[in-house]
Every structure is written in structure tokens, then in C-alpha cells.
């Protein structure tokens, strides 16, 4: 049997049985973050990267608008990266591990506290102002105090990551759990579901898209927190290396470390987006393509 084509003659139509009406189907929208993305979708981020590199080169080497001591041209940064790979790549591993560990701790604590705020209006009124106040404190100002309070090593790094990531995860979790669609909540009540059954089967799954919004906001903040924490730690991560190389006037290597931080953040965000896609297939299926 020949598969009928869609209105344009190129889109396949879905046929479910004899006499069924053929309805056009649209392939799922590809994304730059997923394997199997369309070539144009993958090419656009690469084009953006090339444009950024071209502007960087034009500002530093072409027009010489910025002194190389402040911002070296891309080729100098690449040479510095190749020459110090034996130092920067292990430092990248340290920063990545601190970023992920702090992010996981923030996720667990943030989701649990967000659930507590959503479960009780009294708890929300009691602690929400305190959370807002803690989030409003400039985190970089806490760096020296963290060294005095929690000591050297991993603790100030993880604390800084936690402080930066915690609030958006709490907020997104509480928001998601308190904005359950009315039809789903009514369905749970009509089935005489217990509080736990309604939470497990209805409220929490419905809140997952909102929770992932908070997680995706927090992931880049985790990388920022890890680097800031390494400024005040003896862990030889990328933040530590930036201070060391900048202190001896080797700005090209310091910028090479910054480039690695940016690449790390992009990859971690892409991995989290992939987890979201796999964990929430119904969201992708019901979201209209742009």
C-alpha cells in the first residue's frame, strides 16, 4: 500500500486503518542540544561561534581597539591553551567536579525545601522573606568570610555553588507545585486520591517542567559559583589558575582558562537539557515547534 502524502506532497500522512482519514504528521522539531538535530539547527550555533571569534579577532588584532595585555587575540589564547594543557585540563576536571557536586547538593536541598514551602502556606510566609534576603546578598563578598567560616579545600567552593544555585531551584519547585492545572487537580479529587497519591501521580509530574526551568537557570550559576569559590580556595581548579596566571601577567593563559569555563558550562547545560528531554517526553510532544 502506498503511503499517502501530505498537503505539500512531501510530508507523510498517518493512516491508522482501512477507511481512516489521513492526517499530516510533522517531524519533531530538532534542537541544537540533541543528537540527530537538523544540519541547519546545528550549524546556527556554530555560525554564532564563528561570528563571535571574528569580532574578537577584529577588536584585538584587526583594529587593535583593546590592548593585548587586557584581551589577547584568539590565536594567542589558543597557543597558550595548547602550551598549558597539562595544567589547565586537570584544573578543568577539578572545576567540573565541584560544579556538579555543588549543583547536586543544591538540587536535593532546593527541591525538598520547595516542596515544604508549597505544602504549607504558614511555612512559606515564615521562611520566604529569609530566603529572599539570603539570595540578595552579593555572593562574591562572602568569599573571604567562607574561608574563615568553613576553612580551605572543597568546602568554600561547594558553599558558594550552593548559595548561588539554591534560590532558583527552591522558587521553581514551589511555583510548580502550587500551580497544578485545575483539571488535573479536579481529576485527582474525583478519584478520591490521597494527598500522597495526588502528589506523586499529579502534582509532582505537573511541576517537573517548572522545576527543570529552575535547574537550567541554576546550572550556569553553579559554574560561576565554583570559579568564585576557587578564588578563595587552595583547590587547583580553573578559578585558582586564573588568579595565578593573571598574577604573573600571563593574560593569554588566564583567558584560555576562561574559555574552558565557558565550554564546560555549555556542555553541562546541554547535558541537563538532554536529561529534561528524556525525562519529560510529553512536554516536547505537546509543545508547538517554533
C-alpha atoms as a PDB file:
ATOM      1  CA  UNK A   1       0.000   0.000   0.000  1.00  0.00           C
ATOM      2  CA  UNK A   2       1.388   3.368  -0.981  1.00  0.00           C
ATOM      3  CA  UNK A   3       1.749   5.810   1.890  1.00  0.00           C
ATOM      4  CA  UNK A   4      -0.277   8.928   1.122  1.00  0.00           C
ATOM      5  CA  UNK A   5       1.486  12.224   1.150  1.00  0.00           C
ATOM      6  CA  UNK A   6       0.507  15.369   2.995  1.00  0.00           C
ATOM      7  CA  UNK A   7      -0.857  18.591   1.565  1.00  0.00           C
ATOM      8  CA  UNK A   8       2.516  19.649   0.250  1.00  0.00           C
ATOM      9  CA  UNK A   9       3.213  16.301  -1.325  1.00  0.00           C
ATOM     10  CA  UNK A  10       6.313  15.838   0.807  1.00  0.00           C
ATOM     11  CA  UNK A  11       5.020  15.309   4.351  1.00  0.00           C
ATOM     12  CA  UNK A  12       3.929  11.741   5.214  1.00  0.00           C
ATOM     13  CA  UNK A  13       0.404  11.209   6.431  1.00  0.00           C
ATOM     14  CA  UNK A  14      -0.596   8.975   9.321  1.00  0.00           C
ATOM     15  CA  UNK A  15      -3.053   6.185   8.404  1.00  0.00           C
ATOM     16  CA  UNK A  16      -4.407   4.026  11.213  1.00  0.00           C
ATOM     17  CA  UNK A  17      -6.595   1.583   9.304  1.00  0.00           C
ATOM     18  CA  UNK A  18      -8.917   0.991   6.377  1.00  0.00           C
ATOM     19  CA  UNK A  19     -11.079   3.983   5.694  1.00  0.00           C
ATOM     20  CA  UNK A  20      -9.202   6.145   8.161  1.00  0.00           C
ATOM     21  CA  UNK A  21      -8.678   9.776   7.362  1.00  0.00           C
ATOM     22  CA  UNK A  22      -5.090  10.563   6.559  1.00  0.00           C
ATOM     23  CA  UNK A  23      -3.710  13.325   8.762  1.00  0.00           C
ATOM     24  CA  UNK A  24      -0.417  15.032   8.088  1.00  0.00           C
ATOM     25  CA  UNK A  25       2.305  14.490  10.641  1.00  0.00           C
ATOM     26  CA  UNK A  26       5.108  16.915  11.272  1.00  0.00           C
ATOM     27  CA  UNK A  27       8.520  15.596  12.273  1.00  0.00           C
ATOM     28  CA  UNK A  28       9.510  16.620  15.793  1.00  0.00           C
ATOM     29  CA  UNK A  29      11.433  19.841  15.991  1.00  0.00           C
ATOM     30  CA  UNK A  30      15.134  19.210  16.189  1.00  0.00           C
ATOM     31  CA  UNK A  31      17.267  21.093  18.633  1.00  0.00           C
ATOM     32  CA  UNK A  32      20.879  22.110  18.752  1.00  0.00           C
ATOM     33  CA  UNK A  33      21.255  20.234  22.016  1.00  0.00           C
ATOM     34  CA  UNK A  34      20.111  16.794  20.840  1.00  0.00           C
ATOM     35  CA  UNK A  35      21.808  14.125  18.785  1.00  0.00           C
ATOM     36  CA  UNK A  36      20.249  13.920  15.351  1.00  0.00           C
ATOM     37  CA  UNK A  37      19.461  17.611  15.126  1.00  0.00           C
ATOM     38  CA  UNK A  38      18.897  19.057  11.677  1.00  0.00           C
ATOM     39  CA  UNK A  39      22.030  20.384   9.959  1.00  0.00           C
ATOM     40  CA  UNK A  40      20.684  23.948   9.896  1.00  0.00           C
ATOM     41  CA  UNK A  41      19.937  23.809  13.615  1.00  0.00           C
ATOM     42  CA  UNK A  42      23.407  22.545  14.434  1.00  0.00           C
ATOM     43  CA  UNK A  43      25.013  24.989  12.033  1.00  0.00           C
ATOM     44  CA  UNK A  44      23.451  28.114  13.540  1.00  0.00           C
ATOM     45  CA  UNK A  45      25.264  27.823  16.901  1.00  0.00           C
ATOM     46  CA  UNK A  46      28.493  27.142  15.026  1.00  0.00           C
ATOM     47  CA  UNK A  47      27.859  30.202  12.886  1.00  0.00           C
ATOM     48  CA  UNK A  48      27.299  32.260  16.016  1.00  0.00           C
ATOM     49  CA  UNK A  49      30.586  30.960  17.426  1.00  0.00           C
ATOM     50  CA  UNK A  50      32.436  31.904  14.251  1.00  0.00           C
ATOM     51  CA  UNK A  51      30.924  35.394  14.331  1.00  0.00           C
ATOM     52  CA  UNK A  52      31.985  35.821  17.966  1.00  0.00           C
ATOM     53  CA  UNK A  53      35.532  34.702  17.141  1.00  0.00           C
ATOM     54  CA  UNK A  54      35.636  37.063  14.167  1.00  0.00           C
ATOM     55  CA  UNK A  55      34.523  40.010  16.316  1.00  0.00           C
ATOM     56  CA  UNK A  56      37.051  39.017  18.980  1.00  0.00           C
ATOM     57  CA  UNK A  57      39.849  38.936  16.399  1.00  0.00           C
ATOM     58  CA  UNK A  58      38.710  42.207  14.818  1.00  0.00           C
ATOM     59  CA  UNK A  59      38.665  44.044  18.148  1.00  0.00           C
ATOM     60  CA  UNK A  60      42.003  42.689  19.359  1.00  0.00           C
ATOM     61  CA  UNK A  61      44.177  42.012  16.296  1.00  0.00           C
ATOM     62  CA  UNK A  62      42.418  43.636  13.349  1.00  0.00           C
ATOM     63  CA  UNK A  63      41.572  47.117  14.621  1.00  0.00           C
ATOM     64  CA  UNK A  64      43.628  46.824  17.821  1.00  0.00           C
ATOM     65  CA  UNK A  65      40.925  48.518  19.881  1.00  0.00           C
ATOM     66  CA  UNK A  66      41.961  46.607  23.005  1.00  0.00           C
ATOM     67  CA  UNK A  67      45.499  46.166  24.293  1.00  0.00           C
ATOM     68  CA  UNK A  68      46.686  42.524  24.138  1.00  0.00           C
ATOM     69  CA  UNK A  69      47.611  42.688  27.811  1.00  0.00           C
ATOM     70  CA  UNK A  70      43.915  43.111  28.623  1.00  0.00           C
ATOM     71  CA  UNK A  71      42.368  40.867  25.967  1.00  0.00           C
ATOM     72  CA  UNK A  72      44.740  38.784  23.825  1.00  0.00           C
ATOM     73  CA  UNK A  73      43.663  37.835  20.291  1.00  0.00           C
ATOM     74  CA  UNK A  74      42.142  34.374  19.782  1.00  0.00           C
ATOM     75  CA  UNK A  75      45.285  32.875  18.276  1.00  0.00           C
ATOM     76  CA  UNK A  76      47.345  33.843  21.343  1.00  0.00           C
ATOM     77  CA  UNK A  77      44.762  32.266  23.634  1.00  0.00           C
ATOM     78  CA  UNK A  78      44.817  29.081  21.543  1.00  0.00           C
ATOM     79  CA  UNK A  79      48.621  28.908  21.695  1.00  0.00           C
ATOM     80  CA  UNK A  80      48.513  29.446  25.461  1.00  0.00           C
ATOM     81  CA  UNK A  81      45.876  26.730  25.842  1.00  0.00           C
ATOM     82  CA  UNK A  82      47.953  24.259  23.847  1.00  0.00           C
ATOM     83  CA  UNK A  83      51.074  25.110  25.829  1.00  0.00           C
ATOM     84  CA  UNK A  84      49.466  24.760  29.260  1.00  0.00           C
ATOM     85  CA  UNK A  85      47.057  21.904  28.569  1.00  0.00           C
ATOM     86  CA  UNK A  86      48.871  19.734  31.123  1.00  0.00           C
ATOM     87  CA  UNK A  87      47.863  22.272  33.789  1.00  0.00           C
ATOM     88  CA  UNK A  88      44.503  23.573  32.572  1.00  0.00           C
ATOM     89  CA  UNK A  89      42.877  20.247  31.668  1.00  0.00           C
ATOM     90  CA  UNK A  90      43.337  18.740  35.171  1.00  0.00           C
ATOM     91  CA  UNK A  91      42.090  22.067  36.546  1.00  0.00           C
ATOM     92  CA  UNK A  92      39.037  21.719  34.296  1.00  0.00           C
ATOM     93  CA  UNK A  93      38.355  18.331  35.874  1.00  0.00           C
ATOM     94  CA  UNK A  94      38.518  19.850  39.362  1.00  0.00           C
ATOM     95  CA  UNK A  95      36.151  22.695  38.481  1.00  0.00           C
ATOM     96  CA  UNK A  96      33.724  20.363  36.719  1.00  0.00           C
ATOM     97  CA  UNK A  97      33.562  18.005  39.702  1.00  0.00           C
ATOM     98  CA  UNK A  98      32.984  20.895  42.114  1.00  0.00           C
ATOM     99  CA  UNK A  99      30.301  22.327  39.834  1.00  0.00           C
ATOM    100  CA  UNK A 100      28.424  19.041  39.552  1.00  0.00           C
ATOM    101  CA  UNK A 101      28.687  18.145  43.239  1.00  0.00           C
ATOM    102  CA  UNK A 102      27.516  21.567  44.366  1.00  0.00           C
ATOM    103  CA  UNK A 103      24.708  21.503  41.800  1.00  0.00           C
ATOM    104  CA  UNK A 104      23.506  18.096  43.004  1.00  0.00           C
ATOM    105  CA  UNK A 105      23.524  19.217  46.640  1.00  0.00           C
ATOM    106  CA  UNK A 106      21.610  22.357  45.683  1.00  0.00           C
ATOM    107  CA  UNK A 107      19.095  20.336  43.684  1.00  0.00           C
ATOM    108  CA  UNK A 108      18.307  17.935  46.522  1.00  0.00           C
ATOM    109  CA  UNK A 109      18.022  20.661  49.155  1.00  0.00           C
ATOM    110  CA  UNK A 110      16.227  23.101  46.853  1.00  0.00           C
ATOM    111  CA  UNK A 111      13.574  20.610  45.748  1.00  0.00           C
ATOM    112  CA  UNK A 112      12.917  19.443  49.317  1.00  0.00           C
ATOM    113  CA  UNK A 113      12.575  22.972  50.683  1.00  0.00           C
ATOM    114  CA  UNK A 114      10.478  23.997  47.695  1.00  0.00           C
ATOM    115  CA  UNK A 115       8.152  21.095  48.482  1.00  0.00           C
ATOM    116  CA  UNK A 116       7.906  22.255  52.098  1.00  0.00           C
ATOM    117  CA  UNK A 117       7.045  25.803  51.036  1.00  0.00           C
ATOM    118  CA  UNK A 118       4.395  24.507  48.640  1.00  0.00           C
ATOM    119  CA  UNK A 119       2.866  22.195  51.245  1.00  0.00           C
ATOM    120  CA  UNK A 120       2.214  24.852  53.886  1.00  0.00           C
ATOM    121  CA  UNK A 121       1.249  28.489  53.482  1.00  0.00           C
ATOM    122  CA  UNK A 122       2.481  29.157  57.025  1.00  0.00           C
ATOM    123  CA  UNK A 123       5.919  27.724  56.230  1.00  0.00           C
ATOM    124  CA  UNK A 124       6.084  29.842  53.090  1.00  0.00           C
ATOM    125  CA  UNK A 125       5.215  33.036  54.960  1.00  0.00           C
ATOM    126  CA  UNK A 126       7.727  32.198  57.670  1.00  0.00           C
ATOM    127  CA  UNK A 127      10.775  31.434  55.536  1.00  0.00           C
ATOM    128  CA  UNK A 128      10.235  33.110  52.145  1.00  0.00           C
ATOM    129  CA  UNK A 129      11.498  36.541  53.338  1.00  0.00           C
ATOM    130  CA  UNK A 130      14.606  34.896  54.788  1.00  0.00           C
ATOM    131  CA  UNK A 131      15.338  33.105  51.512  1.00  0.00           C
ATOM    132  CA  UNK A 132      14.929  36.341  49.562  1.00  0.00           C
ATOM    133  CA  UNK A 133      17.296  38.123  51.953  1.00  0.00           C
ATOM    134  CA  UNK A 134      19.958  35.420  51.636  1.00  0.00           C
ATOM    135  CA  UNK A 135      19.656  35.469  47.854  1.00  0.00           C
ATOM    136  CA  UNK A 136      20.070  39.260  47.788  1.00  0.00           C
ATOM    137  CA  UNK A 137      23.492  39.157  49.481  1.00  0.00           C
ATOM    138  CA  UNK A 138      26.350  39.626  46.939  1.00  0.00           C
ATOM    139  CA  UNK A 139      27.934  36.192  46.944  1.00  0.00           C
ATOM    140  CA  UNK A 140      31.404  37.347  45.950  1.00  0.00           C
ATOM    141  CA  UNK A 141      31.500  39.423  49.143  1.00  0.00           C
ATOM    142  CA  UNK A 142      31.099  36.217  51.139  1.00  0.00           C
ATOM    143  CA  UNK A 143      34.256  34.624  49.718  1.00  0.00           C
ATOM    144  CA  UNK A 144      36.731  35.751  52.380  1.00  0.00           C
ATOM    145  CA  UNK A 145      34.182  35.043  55.116  1.00  0.00           C
ATOM    146  CA  UNK A 146      33.655  31.497  53.848  1.00  0.00           C
ATOM    147  CA  UNK A 147      37.363  30.750  54.212  1.00  0.00           C
ATOM    148  CA  UNK A 148      37.200  31.870  57.838  1.00  0.00           C
ATOM    149  CA  UNK A 149      33.899  30.068  58.484  1.00  0.00           C
ATOM    150  CA  UNK A 150      34.308  26.715  56.724  1.00  0.00           C
ATOM    151  CA  UNK A 151      38.059  26.548  56.047  1.00  0.00           C
ATOM    152  CA  UNK A 152      40.068  25.744  52.929  1.00  0.00           C
ATOM    153  CA  UNK A 153      39.637  22.990  50.370  1.00  0.00           C
ATOM    154  CA  UNK A 154      36.321  21.991  48.857  1.00  0.00           C
ATOM    155  CA  UNK A 155      34.026  23.498  51.488  1.00  0.00           C
ATOM    156  CA  UNK A 156      34.108  27.162  50.395  1.00  0.00           C
ATOM    157  CA  UNK A 157      33.659  26.105  46.756  1.00  0.00           C
ATOM    158  CA  UNK A 158      30.654  23.894  47.458  1.00  0.00           C
ATOM    159  CA  UNK A 159      29.162  26.520  49.760  1.00  0.00           C
ATOM    160  CA  UNK A 160      29.462  29.193  47.074  1.00  0.00           C
ATOM    161  CA  UNK A 161      27.867  26.919  44.458  1.00  0.00           C
ATOM    162  CA  UNK A 162      25.076  26.063  46.883  1.00  0.00           C
ATOM    163  CA  UNK A 163      24.335  29.705  47.684  1.00  0.00           C
ATOM    164  CA  UNK A 164      24.100  30.659  44.011  1.00  0.00           C
ATOM    165  CA  UNK A 165      22.015  27.671  42.858  1.00  0.00           C
ATOM    166  CA  UNK A 166      19.730  27.185  45.830  1.00  0.00           C
ATOM    167  CA  UNK A 167      17.215  30.009  45.388  1.00  0.00           C
ATOM    168  CA  UNK A 168      16.135  29.465  41.741  1.00  0.00           C
ATOM    169  CA  UNK A 169      15.601  25.751  42.431  1.00  0.00           C
ATOM    170  CA  UNK A 170      13.500  26.449  45.532  1.00  0.00           C
ATOM    171  CA  UNK A 171      11.468  29.076  43.698  1.00  0.00           C
ATOM    172  CA  UNK A 172      10.794  26.939  40.628  1.00  0.00           C
ATOM    173  CA  UNK A 173       9.846  23.911  42.736  1.00  0.00           C
ATOM    174  CA  UNK A 174       7.441  25.852  44.946  1.00  0.00           C
ATOM    175  CA  UNK A 175       5.925  27.593  41.920  1.00  0.00           C
ATOM    176  CA  UNK A 176       5.463  24.347  40.013  1.00  0.00           C
ATOM    177  CA  UNK A 177       3.815  22.562  42.931  1.00  0.00           C
ATOM    178  CA  UNK A 178       1.404  25.422  43.644  1.00  0.00           C
ATOM    179  CA  UNK A 179       0.269  25.884  40.045  1.00  0.00           C
ATOM    180  CA  UNK A 180      -1.095  22.428  39.275  1.00  0.00           C
ATOM    181  CA  UNK A 181      -3.596  22.661  36.379  1.00  0.00           C
ATOM    182  CA  UNK A 182      -7.133  22.807  37.747  1.00  0.00           C
ATOM    183  CA  UNK A 183      -8.389  19.947  35.578  1.00  0.00           C
ATOM    184  CA  UNK A 184      -5.682  17.605  36.889  1.00  0.00           C
ATOM    185  CA  UNK A 185      -6.354  18.569  40.500  1.00  0.00           C
ATOM    186  CA  UNK A 186     -10.088  18.021  39.976  1.00  0.00           C
ATOM    187  CA  UNK A 187      -9.412  14.629  38.405  1.00  0.00           C
ATOM    188  CA  UNK A 188      -7.396  13.549  41.454  1.00  0.00           C
ATOM    189  CA  UNK A 189     -10.199  14.663  43.780  1.00  0.00           C
ATOM    190  CA  UNK A 190     -12.835  12.869  41.744  1.00  0.00           C
ATOM    191  CA  UNK A 191     -10.854   9.648  42.064  1.00  0.00           C
ATOM    192  CA  UNK A 192     -10.625  10.098  45.853  1.00  0.00           C
ATOM    193  CA  UNK A 193      -6.839  10.095  45.680  1.00  0.00           C
ATOM    194  CA  UNK A 194      -4.984  10.542  48.951  1.00  0.00           C
ATOM    195  CA  UNK A 195      -2.637  13.501  49.441  1.00  0.00           C
ATOM    196  CA  UNK A 196       0.381  11.328  48.691  1.00  0.00           C
ATOM    197  CA  UNK A 197      -1.238   9.741  45.636  1.00  0.00           C
ATOM    198  CA  UNK A 198      -2.225  13.142  44.265  1.00  0.00           C
ATOM    199  CA  UNK A 199       1.271  14.469  44.909  1.00  0.00           C
ATOM    200  CA  UNK A 200       3.067  11.504  43.355  1.00  0.00           C
ATOM    201  CA  UNK A 201       0.778  10.991  40.377  1.00  0.00           C
ATOM    202  CA  UNK A 202      -0.426  14.525  39.612  1.00  0.00           C
ATOM    203  CA  UNK A 203       1.234  17.460  41.347  1.00  0.00           C
ATOM    204  CA  UNK A 204       4.900  16.477  41.121  1.00  0.00           C
ATOM    205  CA  UNK A 205       4.800  15.315  37.469  1.00  0.00           C
ATOM    206  CA  UNK A 206       2.922  18.502  36.552  1.00  0.00           C
ATOM    207  CA  UNK A 207       5.578  20.562  38.361  1.00  0.00           C
ATOM    208  CA  UNK A 208       8.563  18.914  36.654  1.00  0.00           C
ATOM    209  CA  UNK A 209       8.691  21.315  33.668  1.00  0.00           C
ATOM    210  CA  UNK A 210       8.831  24.274  36.047  1.00  0.00           C
ATOM    211  CA  UNK A 211      11.444  22.536  38.212  1.00  0.00           C
ATOM    212  CA  UNK A 212      13.638  21.977  35.168  1.00  0.00           C
ATOM    213  CA  UNK A 213      13.386  25.686  34.385  1.00  0.00           C
ATOM    214  CA  UNK A 214      14.965  26.387  37.763  1.00  0.00           C
ATOM    215  CA  UNK A 215      17.598  23.705  37.240  1.00  0.00           C
ATOM    216  CA  UNK A 216      18.574  25.178  33.864  1.00  0.00           C
ATOM    217  CA  UNK A 217      18.884  28.613  35.445  1.00  0.00           C
ATOM    218  CA  UNK A 218      20.987  27.159  38.264  1.00  0.00           C
ATOM    219  CA  UNK A 219      23.417  25.156  36.114  1.00  0.00           C
ATOM    220  CA  UNK A 220      25.397  28.151  34.749  1.00  0.00           C
ATOM    221  CA  UNK A 221      25.275  29.694  38.222  1.00  0.00           C
ATOM    222  CA  UNK A 222      26.908  26.532  39.563  1.00  0.00           C
ATOM    223  CA  UNK A 223      29.879  27.041  37.245  1.00  0.00           C
ATOM    224  CA  UNK A 224      30.126  30.691  38.314  1.00  0.00           C
ATOM    225  CA  UNK A 225      29.976  29.693  41.977  1.00  0.00           C
ATOM    226  CA  UNK A 226      32.689  27.068  41.546  1.00  0.00           C
ATOM    227  CA  UNK A 227      35.060  29.579  39.946  1.00  0.00           C
ATOM    228  CA  UNK A 228      34.370  32.236  42.599  1.00  0.00           C
ATOM    229  CA  UNK A 229      34.900  29.657  45.333  1.00  0.00           C
ATOM    230  CA  UNK A 230      38.221  28.640  43.802  1.00  0.00           C
ATOM    231  CA  UNK A 231      39.384  32.248  44.059  1.00  0.00           C
ATOM    232  CA  UNK A 232      39.394  31.745  47.835  1.00  0.00           C
ATOM    233  CA  UNK A 233      40.451  28.091  47.949  1.00  0.00           C
ATOM    234  CA  UNK A 234      43.618  26.083  47.533  1.00  0.00           C
ATOM    235  CA  UNK A 235      41.939  23.654  45.124  1.00  0.00           C
ATOM    236  CA  UNK A 236      43.805  23.912  41.781  1.00  0.00           C
ATOM    237  CA  UNK A 237      40.729  24.478  39.635  1.00  0.00           C
ATOM    238  CA  UNK A 238      40.301  26.928  36.789  1.00  0.00           C
ATOM    239  CA  UNK A 239      39.440  29.806  39.111  1.00  0.00           C
ATOM    240  CA  UNK A 240      42.675  29.215  41.004  1.00  0.00           C
ATOM    241  CA  UNK A 241      44.629  29.071  37.744  1.00  0.00           C
ATOM    242  CA  UNK A 242      43.084  32.339  36.522  1.00  0.00           C
ATOM    243  CA  UNK A 243      44.388  34.118  39.610  1.00  0.00           C
ATOM    244  CA  UNK A 244      47.819  32.510  39.322  1.00  0.00           C
ATOM    245  CA  UNK A 245      48.392  33.310  35.652  1.00  0.00           C
ATOM    246  CA  UNK A 246      46.871  36.761  35.897  1.00  0.00           C
ATOM    247  CA  UNK A 247      49.175  37.474  38.824  1.00  0.00           C
ATOM    248  CA  UNK A 248      52.269  36.830  36.689  1.00  0.00           C
ATOM    249  CA  UNK A 249      50.913  38.824  33.751  1.00  0.00           C
ATOM    250  CA  UNK A 250      50.107  35.804  31.550  1.00  0.00           C
ATOM    251  CA  UNK A 251      46.686  37.016  30.476  1.00  0.00           C
ATOM    252  CA  UNK A 252      46.575  34.715  27.447  1.00  0.00           C
ATOM    253  CA  UNK A 253      46.603  31.626  29.678  1.00  0.00           C
ATOM    254  CA  UNK A 254      44.121  33.248  32.057  1.00  0.00           C
ATOM    255  CA  UNK A 255      41.774  33.808  29.114  1.00  0.00           C
ATOM    256  CA  UNK A 256      42.355  30.221  27.986  1.00  0.00           C
ATOM    257  CA  UNK A 257      41.037  29.108  31.378  1.00  0.00           C
ATOM    258  CA  UNK A 258      38.015  31.385  30.933  1.00  0.00           C
ATOM    259  CA  UNK A 259      37.322  29.814  27.524  1.00  0.00           C
ATOM    260  CA  UNK A 260      37.410  26.357  29.128  1.00  0.00           C
ATOM    261  CA  UNK A 261      34.924  27.514  31.767  1.00  0.00           C
ATOM    262  CA  UNK A 262      32.578  28.719  29.029  1.00  0.00           C
ATOM    263  CA  UNK A 263      32.845  25.424  27.140  1.00  0.00           C
ATOM    264  CA  UNK A 264      32.241  23.468  30.345  1.00  0.00           C
ATOM    265  CA  UNK A 265      29.100  25.495  31.068  1.00  0.00           C
ATOM    266  CA  UNK A 266      27.758  24.937  27.556  1.00  0.00           C
ATOM    267  CA  UNK A 267      28.285  21.173  27.761  1.00  0.00           C
ATOM    268  CA  UNK A 268      26.735  20.878  31.227  1.00  0.00           C
ATOM    269  CA  UNK A 269      23.709  22.899  30.130  1.00  0.00           C
ATOM    270  CA  UNK A 270      23.357  20.718  27.035  1.00  0.00           C
ATOM    271  CA  UNK A 271      23.536  17.569  29.172  1.00  0.00           C
ATOM    272  CA  UNK A 272      20.842  18.904  31.501  1.00  0.00           C
ATOM    273  CA  UNK A 273      18.651  19.792  28.518  1.00  0.00           C
ATOM    274  CA  UNK A 274      19.050  16.239  27.246  1.00  0.00           C
ATOM    275  CA  UNK A 275      18.024  14.869  30.652  1.00  0.00           C
ATOM    276  CA  UNK A 276      14.953  17.117  30.545  1.00  0.00           C
ATOM    277  CA  UNK A 277      14.043  15.874  27.091  1.00  0.00           C
ATOM    278  CA  UNK A 278      14.344  12.226  28.144  1.00  0.00           C
ATOM    279  CA  UNK A 279      12.557  12.695  31.469  1.00  0.00           C
ATOM    280  CA  UNK A 280       9.668  14.791  30.096  1.00  0.00           C
ATOM    281  CA  UNK A 281       8.772  13.359  26.686  1.00  0.00           C
ATOM    282  CA  UNK A 282       5.167  14.551  26.996  1.00  0.00           C
ATOM    283  CA  UNK A 283       6.287  18.180  27.264  1.00  0.00           C
ATOM    284  CA  UNK A 284       8.163  18.001  23.986  1.00  0.00           C
ATOM    285  CA  UNK A 285       5.232  16.219  22.334  1.00  0.00           C
ATOM    286  CA  UNK A 286       2.742  18.909  23.375  1.00  0.00           C
ATOM    287  CA  UNK A 287       4.959  21.943  22.735  1.00  0.00           C
ATOM    288  CA  UNK A 288       4.438  23.634  19.407  1.00  0.00           C
ATOM    289  CA  UNK A 289       7.502  23.993  17.218  1.00  0.00           C
ATOM    290  CA  UNK A 290       8.962  27.419  16.563  1.00  0.00           C
END
